[in-house]
């Protein structure tokens, strides 16, 4: 009975449903209802006093999770956000979430799992790695996002634009563009980030240009090869080789 009462008043209030449950239990156990009411009211007063005396920071952490204070205005903010919601201060001294490291670890696990796979299974590996990259959350803090972008750029330039590599490369490309959108919203006035955006965009443009050049080269080879094959067959039909 005491455990049931304690559970009912943990938040400092007792609902009508909780009262009905306690009364039903008290009647079943033969407990005087007036005595029960006095006992509950006494516990409620103690619980309310305890909640009132609890520091505001502890209350916020209890109901909203671990919070930090903005160094500029002192407002409580959730960890991991890019700017203070009260004054707009851009956080830069908060411990990074190490998203780049976590992404690398997840990709290493996939690569280890598919190490030495056959040519036919490379598509499965590429699909798994692409899924990890595409589903990975974009960081919020400045340092974490900057490091994350560098890892994405390295991965993007590592893979080729043909075969199973193409899918992985495109996943890196899409995630970099997502990061750029995030930066434009949260760090639009940050010169360092804007320079990094230009660098990333240049890398993507150069890769796209190289892909187009490669595509033209391959198409050119196919066309020339097709023409030569056609002439060879045509000359054969004309009896040139007789």
C-alpha atoms as a PDB file:
ATOM      1  CA  UNK A   1       0.000   0.000   0.000  1.00  0.00           C
ATOM      2  CA  UNK A   2       2.815   2.393   0.907  1.00  0.00           C
ATOM      3  CA  UNK A   3       4.578   1.651  -2.373  1.00  0.00           C
ATOM      4  CA  UNK A   4       1.378   2.419  -4.275  1.00  0.00           C
ATOM      5  CA  UNK A   5       0.948   5.711  -2.413  1.00  0.00           C
ATOM      6  CA  UNK A   6       4.589   6.710  -3.045  1.00  0.00           C
ATOM      7  CA  UNK A   7       4.222   6.020  -6.751  1.00  0.00           C
ATOM      8  CA  UNK A   8       1.036   8.091  -6.901  1.00  0.00           C
ATOM      9  CA  UNK A   9       2.516  11.235  -5.313  1.00  0.00           C
ATOM     10  CA  UNK A  10       5.968  11.214  -6.894  1.00  0.00           C
ATOM     11  CA  UNK A  11       5.086  14.292  -8.990  1.00  0.00           C
ATOM     12  CA  UNK A  12       3.599  16.185  -6.034  1.00  0.00           C
ATOM     13  CA  UNK A  13      -0.022  15.767  -7.119  1.00  0.00           C
ATOM     14  CA  UNK A  14      -2.545  12.963  -7.078  1.00  0.00           C
ATOM     15  CA  UNK A  15      -5.088  12.470  -9.863  1.00  0.00           C
ATOM     16  CA  UNK A  16      -8.690  11.332  -9.516  1.00  0.00           C
ATOM     17  CA  UNK A  17      -7.807   7.986 -11.028  1.00  0.00           C
ATOM     18  CA  UNK A  18      -4.976   7.522  -8.543  1.00  0.00           C
ATOM     19  CA  UNK A  19      -7.352   8.399  -5.704  1.00  0.00           C
ATOM     20  CA  UNK A  20      -9.866   5.795  -6.872  1.00  0.00           C
ATOM     21  CA  UNK A  21      -7.152   3.144  -7.038  1.00  0.00           C
ATOM     22  CA  UNK A  22      -5.928   3.986  -3.517  1.00  0.00           C
ATOM     23  CA  UNK A  23      -9.453   4.009  -2.042  1.00  0.00           C
ATOM     24  CA  UNK A  24     -10.228   0.661  -3.663  1.00  0.00           C
ATOM     25  CA  UNK A  25      -7.022  -0.811  -2.283  1.00  0.00           C
ATOM     26  CA  UNK A  26      -7.651   0.667   1.188  1.00  0.00           C
ATOM     27  CA  UNK A  27     -11.167  -0.765   1.344  1.00  0.00           C
ATOM     28  CA  UNK A  28      -9.824  -4.143   0.311  1.00  0.00           C
ATOM     29  CA  UNK A  29      -7.241  -4.060   3.101  1.00  0.00           C
ATOM     30  CA  UNK A  30      -9.656  -2.601   5.683  1.00  0.00           C
ATOM     31  CA  UNK A  31      -7.858   0.737   6.062  1.00  0.00           C
ATOM     32  CA  UNK A  32      -9.856   3.684   7.402  1.00  0.00           C
ATOM     33  CA  UNK A  33     -10.381   6.145   4.537  1.00  0.00           C
ATOM     34  CA  UNK A  34     -10.102   9.251   6.748  1.00  0.00           C
ATOM     35  CA  UNK A  35      -6.785   8.066   8.088  1.00  0.00           C
ATOM     36  CA  UNK A  36      -5.667   7.309   4.564  1.00  0.00           C
ATOM     37  CA  UNK A  37      -6.561  10.827   3.442  1.00  0.00           C
ATOM     38  CA  UNK A  38      -4.635  12.423   6.322  1.00  0.00           C
ATOM     39  CA  UNK A  39      -1.625  10.245   5.600  1.00  0.00           C
ATOM     40  CA  UNK A  40      -1.658  11.061   1.870  1.00  0.00           C
ATOM     41  CA  UNK A  41      -2.032  14.793   2.496  1.00  0.00           C
ATOM     42  CA  UNK A  42       0.944  14.682   4.844  1.00  0.00           C
ATOM     43  CA  UNK A  43       3.092  12.958   2.255  1.00  0.00           C
ATOM     44  CA  UNK A  44       1.933  15.365  -0.447  1.00  0.00           C
ATOM     45  CA  UNK A  45       3.015  18.352   1.629  1.00  0.00           C
ATOM     46  CA  UNK A  46       6.464  16.845   2.130  1.00  0.00           C
ATOM     47  CA  UNK A  47       6.777  16.029  -1.561  1.00  0.00           C
ATOM     48  CA  UNK A  48       5.746  19.537  -2.634  1.00  0.00           C
ATOM     49  CA  UNK A  49       8.218  21.078  -0.184  1.00  0.00           C
ATOM     50  CA  UNK A  50      10.972  18.862  -1.583  1.00  0.00           C
ATOM     51  CA  UNK A  51      10.150  19.824  -5.181  1.00  0.00           C
ATOM     52  CA  UNK A  52       9.994  23.535  -4.298  1.00  0.00           C
ATOM     53  CA  UNK A  53      13.359  23.399  -2.547  1.00  0.00           C
ATOM     54  CA  UNK A  54      15.027  21.587  -5.430  1.00  0.00           C
ATOM     55  CA  UNK A  55      17.349  23.855  -7.469  1.00  0.00           C
ATOM     56  CA  UNK A  56      15.836  25.043 -10.741  1.00  0.00           C
ATOM     57  CA  UNK A  57      18.723  23.570 -12.728  1.00  0.00           C
ATOM     58  CA  UNK A  58      18.059  20.128 -11.236  1.00  0.00           C
ATOM     59  CA  UNK A  59      14.358  20.382 -12.093  1.00  0.00           C
ATOM     60  CA  UNK A  60      15.140  21.257 -15.689  1.00  0.00           C
ATOM     61  CA  UNK A  61      17.632  18.412 -15.986  1.00  0.00           C
ATOM     62  CA  UNK A  62      15.150  15.990 -14.418  1.00  0.00           C
ATOM     63  CA  UNK A  63      12.336  16.739 -16.847  1.00  0.00           C
ATOM     64  CA  UNK A  64      14.230  17.868 -19.958  1.00  0.00           C
ATOM     65  CA  UNK A  65      17.529  16.003 -19.785  1.00  0.00           C
ATOM     66  CA  UNK A  66      21.032  17.382 -19.256  1.00  0.00           C
ATOM     67  CA  UNK A  67      21.097  21.113 -19.973  1.00  0.00           C
ATOM     68  CA  UNK A  68      23.850  23.686 -20.291  1.00  0.00           C
ATOM     69  CA  UNK A  69      23.933  27.436 -19.793  1.00  0.00           C
ATOM     70  CA  UNK A  70      24.591  29.891 -22.584  1.00  0.00           C
ATOM     71  CA  UNK A  71      27.851  31.750 -21.719  1.00  0.00           C
ATOM     72  CA  UNK A  72      26.428  34.949 -23.225  1.00  0.00           C
ATOM     73  CA  UNK A  73      22.989  35.288 -21.600  1.00  0.00           C
ATOM     74  CA  UNK A  74      22.832  32.447 -19.053  1.00  0.00           C
ATOM     75  CA  UNK A  75      19.744  30.841 -20.571  1.00  0.00           C
ATOM     76  CA  UNK A  76      19.359  27.070 -20.334  1.00  0.00           C
ATOM     77  CA  UNK A  77      19.777  25.309 -23.673  1.00  0.00           C
ATOM     78  CA  UNK A  78      19.874  21.710 -24.802  1.00  0.00           C
ATOM     79  CA  UNK A  79      23.334  20.328 -25.591  1.00  0.00           C
ATOM     80  CA  UNK A  80      24.309  19.974 -29.222  1.00  0.00           C
ATOM     81  CA  UNK A  81      22.420  22.964 -30.654  1.00  0.00           C
ATOM     82  CA  UNK A  82      24.315  25.415 -32.833  1.00  0.00           C
ATOM     83  CA  UNK A  83      22.925  28.655 -31.383  1.00  0.00           C
ATOM     84  CA  UNK A  84      21.360  29.850 -28.158  1.00  0.00           C
ATOM     85  CA  UNK A  85      17.607  30.080 -28.710  1.00  0.00           C
ATOM     86  CA  UNK A  86      17.432  33.109 -26.401  1.00  0.00           C
ATOM     87  CA  UNK A  87      20.204  35.394 -27.678  1.00  0.00           C
ATOM     88  CA  UNK A  88      21.537  33.740 -30.843  1.00  0.00           C
ATOM     89  CA  UNK A  89      25.037  33.129 -29.453  1.00  0.00           C
ATOM     90  CA  UNK A  90      26.910  30.557 -31.621  1.00  0.00           C
ATOM     91  CA  UNK A  91      28.402  27.838 -29.458  1.00  0.00           C
ATOM     92  CA  UNK A  92      32.024  26.956 -30.118  1.00  0.00           C
ATOM     93  CA  UNK A  93      33.425  25.765 -26.791  1.00  0.00           C
ATOM     94  CA  UNK A  94      31.041  22.873 -26.223  1.00  0.00           C
ATOM     95  CA  UNK A  95      32.542  19.412 -26.326  1.00  0.00           C
ATOM     96  CA  UNK A  96      32.088  18.016 -29.805  1.00  0.00           C
ATOM     97  CA  UNK A  97      29.822  15.050 -30.320  1.00  0.00           C
ATOM     98  CA  UNK A  98      32.586  13.416 -32.404  1.00  0.00           C
ATOM     99  CA  UNK A  99      30.196  12.639 -35.227  1.00  0.00           C
ATOM    100  CA  UNK A 100      33.062  12.256 -37.696  1.00  0.00           C
ATOM    101  CA  UNK A 101      34.662   9.611 -35.501  1.00  0.00           C
ATOM    102  CA  UNK A 102      31.373   7.761 -35.040  1.00  0.00           C
ATOM    103  CA  UNK A 103      30.675   7.756 -38.773  1.00  0.00           C
ATOM    104  CA  UNK A 104      34.147   6.408 -39.515  1.00  0.00           C
ATOM    105  CA  UNK A 105      33.687   3.658 -36.931  1.00  0.00           C
ATOM    106  CA  UNK A 106      30.362   2.571 -38.429  1.00  0.00           C
ATOM    107  CA  UNK A 107      31.819   2.495 -41.943  1.00  0.00           C
ATOM    108  CA  UNK A 108      34.822   0.498 -40.737  1.00  0.00           C
ATOM    109  CA  UNK A 109      32.460  -2.079 -39.265  1.00  0.00           C
ATOM    110  CA  UNK A 110      30.697  -2.430 -42.623  1.00  0.00           C
ATOM    111  CA  UNK A 111      34.009  -2.695 -44.492  1.00  0.00           C
ATOM    112  CA  UNK A 112      35.308  -5.324 -42.047  1.00  0.00           C
ATOM    113  CA  UNK A 113      32.116  -7.321 -42.433  1.00  0.00           C
ATOM    114  CA  UNK A 114      32.433  -7.346 -46.232  1.00  0.00           C
ATOM    115  CA  UNK A 115      36.219  -7.653 -46.405  1.00  0.00           C
ATOM    116  CA  UNK A 116      37.391  -9.845 -49.257  1.00  0.00           C
ATOM    117  CA  UNK A 117      33.945 -10.178 -50.805  1.00  0.00           C
ATOM    118  CA  UNK A 118      33.505 -11.295 -54.377  1.00  0.00           C
ATOM    119  CA  UNK A 119      32.860  -8.864 -57.200  1.00  0.00           C
ATOM    120  CA  UNK A 120      29.164  -9.742 -57.153  1.00  0.00           C
ATOM    121  CA  UNK A 121      28.906  -8.908 -53.440  1.00  0.00           C
ATOM    122  CA  UNK A 122      30.509  -5.483 -53.777  1.00  0.00           C
ATOM    123  CA  UNK A 123      27.113  -4.004 -54.582  1.00  0.00           C
ATOM    124  CA  UNK A 124      25.814  -5.275 -51.228  1.00  0.00           C
ATOM    125  CA  UNK A 125      28.747  -3.628 -49.450  1.00  0.00           C
ATOM    126  CA  UNK A 126      28.179  -0.372 -51.339  1.00  0.00           C
ATOM    127  CA  UNK A 127      24.492  -0.427 -50.421  1.00  0.00           C
ATOM    128  CA  UNK A 128      25.309  -0.971 -46.737  1.00  0.00           C
ATOM    129  CA  UNK A 129      27.861   1.856 -46.651  1.00  0.00           C
ATOM    130  CA  UNK A 130      25.530   4.209 -48.523  1.00  0.00           C
ATOM    131  CA  UNK A 131      22.776   3.498 -46.004  1.00  0.00           C
ATOM    132  CA  UNK A 132      25.091   4.317 -43.080  1.00  0.00           C
ATOM    133  CA  UNK A 133      26.128   7.621 -44.665  1.00  0.00           C
ATOM    134  CA  UNK A 134      22.621   8.633 -45.716  1.00  0.00           C
ATOM    135  CA  UNK A 135      21.034   7.867 -42.336  1.00  0.00           C
ATOM    136  CA  UNK A 136      23.775   9.440 -40.204  1.00  0.00           C
ATOM    137  CA  UNK A 137      22.553  12.599 -38.414  1.00  0.00           C
ATOM    138  CA  UNK A 138      24.158  15.923 -39.247  1.00  0.00           C
ATOM    139  CA  UNK A 139      26.023  17.472 -36.285  1.00  0.00           C
ATOM    140  CA  UNK A 140      24.855  20.711 -34.677  1.00  0.00           C
ATOM    141  CA  UNK A 141      27.913  22.203 -32.998  1.00  0.00           C
ATOM    142  CA  UNK A 142      30.418  24.216 -34.961  1.00  0.00           C
ATOM    143  CA  UNK A 143      33.555  22.112 -34.373  1.00  0.00           C
ATOM    144  CA  UNK A 144      31.740  18.834 -34.890  1.00  0.00           C
ATOM    145  CA  UNK A 145      30.133  19.952 -38.126  1.00  0.00           C
ATOM    146  CA  UNK A 146      33.418  21.276 -39.492  1.00  0.00           C
ATOM    147  CA  UNK A 147      35.251  18.026 -38.755  1.00  0.00           C
ATOM    148  CA  UNK A 148      32.330  16.016 -40.117  1.00  0.00           C
ATOM    149  CA  UNK A 149      32.491  17.908 -43.416  1.00  0.00           C
ATOM    150  CA  UNK A 150      36.208  17.159 -43.794  1.00  0.00           C
ATOM    151  CA  UNK A 151      35.553  13.433 -43.316  1.00  0.00           C
ATOM    152  CA  UNK A 152      32.783  13.552 -45.919  1.00  0.00           C
ATOM    153  CA  UNK A 153      35.051  15.340 -48.377  1.00  0.00           C
ATOM    154  CA  UNK A 154      37.790  12.734 -47.876  1.00  0.00           C
ATOM    155  CA  UNK A 155      35.316   9.929 -48.464  1.00  0.00           C
ATOM    156  CA  UNK A 156      33.858  11.639 -51.512  1.00  0.00           C
ATOM    157  CA  UNK A 157      37.247  12.027 -53.205  1.00  0.00           C
ATOM    158  CA  UNK A 158      38.301   8.483 -52.263  1.00  0.00           C
ATOM    159  CA  UNK A 159      35.724   6.676 -54.386  1.00  0.00           C
ATOM    160  CA  UNK A 160      35.414   6.573 -58.141  1.00  0.00           C
ATOM    161  CA  UNK A 161      32.336   7.378 -60.210  1.00  0.00           C
ATOM    162  CA  UNK A 162      31.811   3.963 -61.733  1.00  0.00           C
ATOM    163  CA  UNK A 163      30.928   0.493 -60.535  1.00  0.00           C
ATOM    164  CA  UNK A 164      29.888  -0.115 -56.938  1.00  0.00           C
ATOM    165  CA  UNK A 165      31.940   2.922 -55.818  1.00  0.00           C
ATOM    166  CA  UNK A 166      29.510   5.275 -57.543  1.00  0.00           C
ATOM    167  CA  UNK A 167      26.717   4.612 -55.037  1.00  0.00           C
ATOM    168  CA  UNK A 168      29.010   5.340 -52.073  1.00  0.00           C
ATOM    169  CA  UNK A 169      30.341   8.493 -53.729  1.00  0.00           C
ATOM    170  CA  UNK A 170      26.821   9.762 -54.347  1.00  0.00           C
ATOM    171  CA  UNK A 171      25.892   9.123 -50.696  1.00  0.00           C
ATOM    172  CA  UNK A 172      28.844  11.258 -49.583  1.00  0.00           C
ATOM    173  CA  UNK A 173      27.829  13.941 -52.080  1.00  0.00           C
ATOM    174  CA  UNK A 174      24.244  14.073 -50.833  1.00  0.00           C
ATOM    175  CA  UNK A 175      25.358  14.269 -47.183  1.00  0.00           C
ATOM    176  CA  UNK A 176      27.764  17.127 -47.961  1.00  0.00           C
ATOM    177  CA  UNK A 177      24.928  19.059 -49.588  1.00  0.00           C
ATOM    178  CA  UNK A 178      22.785  18.453 -46.496  1.00  0.00           C
ATOM    179  CA  UNK A 179      25.590  19.869 -44.348  1.00  0.00           C
ATOM    180  CA  UNK A 180      25.813  22.928 -46.584  1.00  0.00           C
ATOM    181  CA  UNK A 181      22.081  23.550 -46.137  1.00  0.00           C
ATOM    182  CA  UNK A 182      22.539  23.224 -42.359  1.00  0.00           C
ATOM    183  CA  UNK A 183      25.414  25.717 -42.383  1.00  0.00           C
ATOM    184  CA  UNK A 184      23.454  28.224 -44.457  1.00  0.00           C
ATOM    185  CA  UNK A 185      20.726  28.161 -41.805  1.00  0.00           C
ATOM    186  CA  UNK A 186      22.760  28.024 -38.575  1.00  0.00           C
ATOM    187  CA  UNK A 187      26.065  29.700 -39.510  1.00  0.00           C
ATOM    188  CA  UNK A 188      25.163  32.039 -42.345  1.00  0.00           C
ATOM    189  CA  UNK A 189      27.450  34.800 -41.001  1.00  0.00           C
ATOM    190  CA  UNK A 190      30.439  32.599 -40.223  1.00  0.00           C
ATOM    191  CA  UNK A 191      33.220  33.456 -42.708  1.00  0.00           C
ATOM    192  CA  UNK A 192      35.204  30.298 -41.965  1.00  0.00           C
ATOM    193  CA  UNK A 193      32.216  28.089 -42.692  1.00  0.00           C
ATOM    194  CA  UNK A 194      31.386  30.028 -45.833  1.00  0.00           C
ATOM    195  CA  UNK A 195      34.930  29.456 -47.126  1.00  0.00           C
ATOM    196  CA  UNK A 196      34.609  25.783 -46.338  1.00  0.00           C
ATOM    197  CA  UNK A 197      31.322  25.661 -48.235  1.00  0.00           C
ATOM    198  CA  UNK A 198      33.034  27.165 -51.289  1.00  0.00           C
ATOM    199  CA  UNK A 199      35.796  24.572 -50.981  1.00  0.00           C
ATOM    200  CA  UNK A 200      33.291  21.711 -50.782  1.00  0.00           C
ATOM    201  CA  UNK A 201      31.282  23.064 -53.697  1.00  0.00           C
ATOM    202  CA  UNK A 202      34.484  23.360 -55.751  1.00  0.00           C
ATOM    203  CA  UNK A 203      35.342  19.733 -54.968  1.00  0.00           C
ATOM    204  CA  UNK A 204      31.874  18.603 -56.073  1.00  0.00           C
ATOM    205  CA  UNK A 205      32.019  20.694 -59.272  1.00  0.00           C
ATOM    206  CA  UNK A 206      35.468  19.345 -60.165  1.00  0.00           C
ATOM    207  CA  UNK A 207      34.252  15.789 -59.598  1.00  0.00           C
ATOM    208  CA  UNK A 208      31.153  16.400 -61.730  1.00  0.00           C
ATOM    209  CA  UNK A 209      33.311  17.889 -64.500  1.00  0.00           C
ATOM    210  CA  UNK A 210      35.662  14.888 -64.376  1.00  0.00           C
ATOM    211  CA  UNK A 211      32.681  12.526 -64.535  1.00  0.00           C
ATOM    212  CA  UNK A 212      31.322  14.315 -67.599  1.00  0.00           C
ATOM    213  CA  UNK A 213      34.734  14.172 -69.246  1.00  0.00           C
ATOM    214  CA  UNK A 214      35.014  10.474 -68.468  1.00  0.00           C
ATOM    215  CA  UNK A 215      31.498   9.863 -69.789  1.00  0.00           C
ATOM    216  CA  UNK A 216      32.310  11.684 -73.041  1.00  0.00           C
ATOM    217  CA  UNK A 217      35.505   9.671 -73.408  1.00  0.00           C
ATOM    218  CA  UNK A 218      33.692   6.363 -72.885  1.00  0.00           C
ATOM    219  CA  UNK A 219      30.912   7.358 -75.286  1.00  0.00           C
ATOM    220  CA  UNK A 220      33.483   8.440 -77.836  1.00  0.00           C
ATOM    221  CA  UNK A 221      35.248   5.101 -77.591  1.00  0.00           C
ATOM    222  CA  UNK A 222      31.961   3.246 -77.959  1.00  0.00           C
ATOM    223  CA  UNK A 223      30.980   5.291 -80.999  1.00  0.00           C
ATOM    224  CA  UNK A 224      34.354   4.811 -82.688  1.00  0.00           C
ATOM    225  CA  UNK A 225      34.317   1.104 -81.832  1.00  0.00           C
ATOM    226  CA  UNK A 226      30.779   0.804 -83.180  1.00  0.00           C
ATOM    227  CA  UNK A 227      31.724   2.522 -86.427  1.00  0.00           C
ATOM    228  CA  UNK A 228      34.772   0.295 -86.906  1.00  0.00           C
ATOM    229  CA  UNK A 229      32.708  -2.813 -86.201  1.00  0.00           C
ATOM    230  CA  UNK A 230      30.077  -1.648 -88.670  1.00  0.00           C
ATOM    231  CA  UNK A 231      32.707  -1.060 -91.371  1.00  0.00           C
ATOM    232  CA  UNK A 232      34.273  -4.445 -90.681  1.00  0.00           C
ATOM    233  CA  UNK A 233      30.922  -6.205 -91.074  1.00  0.00           C
ATOM    234  CA  UNK A 234      30.002  -4.112 -94.112  1.00  0.00           C
ATOM    235  CA  UNK A 235      33.308  -4.869 -95.851  1.00  0.00           C
ATOM    236  CA  UNK A 236      32.800  -8.547 -95.063  1.00  0.00           C
ATOM    237  CA  UNK A 237      29.366  -8.526 -96.687  1.00  0.00           C
ATOM    238  CA  UNK A 238      30.814  -6.794 -99.732  1.00  0.00           C
ATOM    239  CA  UNK A 239      33.349  -9.595-100.101  1.00  0.00           C
ATOM    240  CA  UNK A 240      36.310  -7.389 -99.348  1.00  0.00           C
ATOM    241  CA  UNK A 241      38.066 -10.162 -97.452  1.00  0.00           C
ATOM    242  CA  UNK A 242      37.636 -12.812-100.195  1.00  0.00           C
END
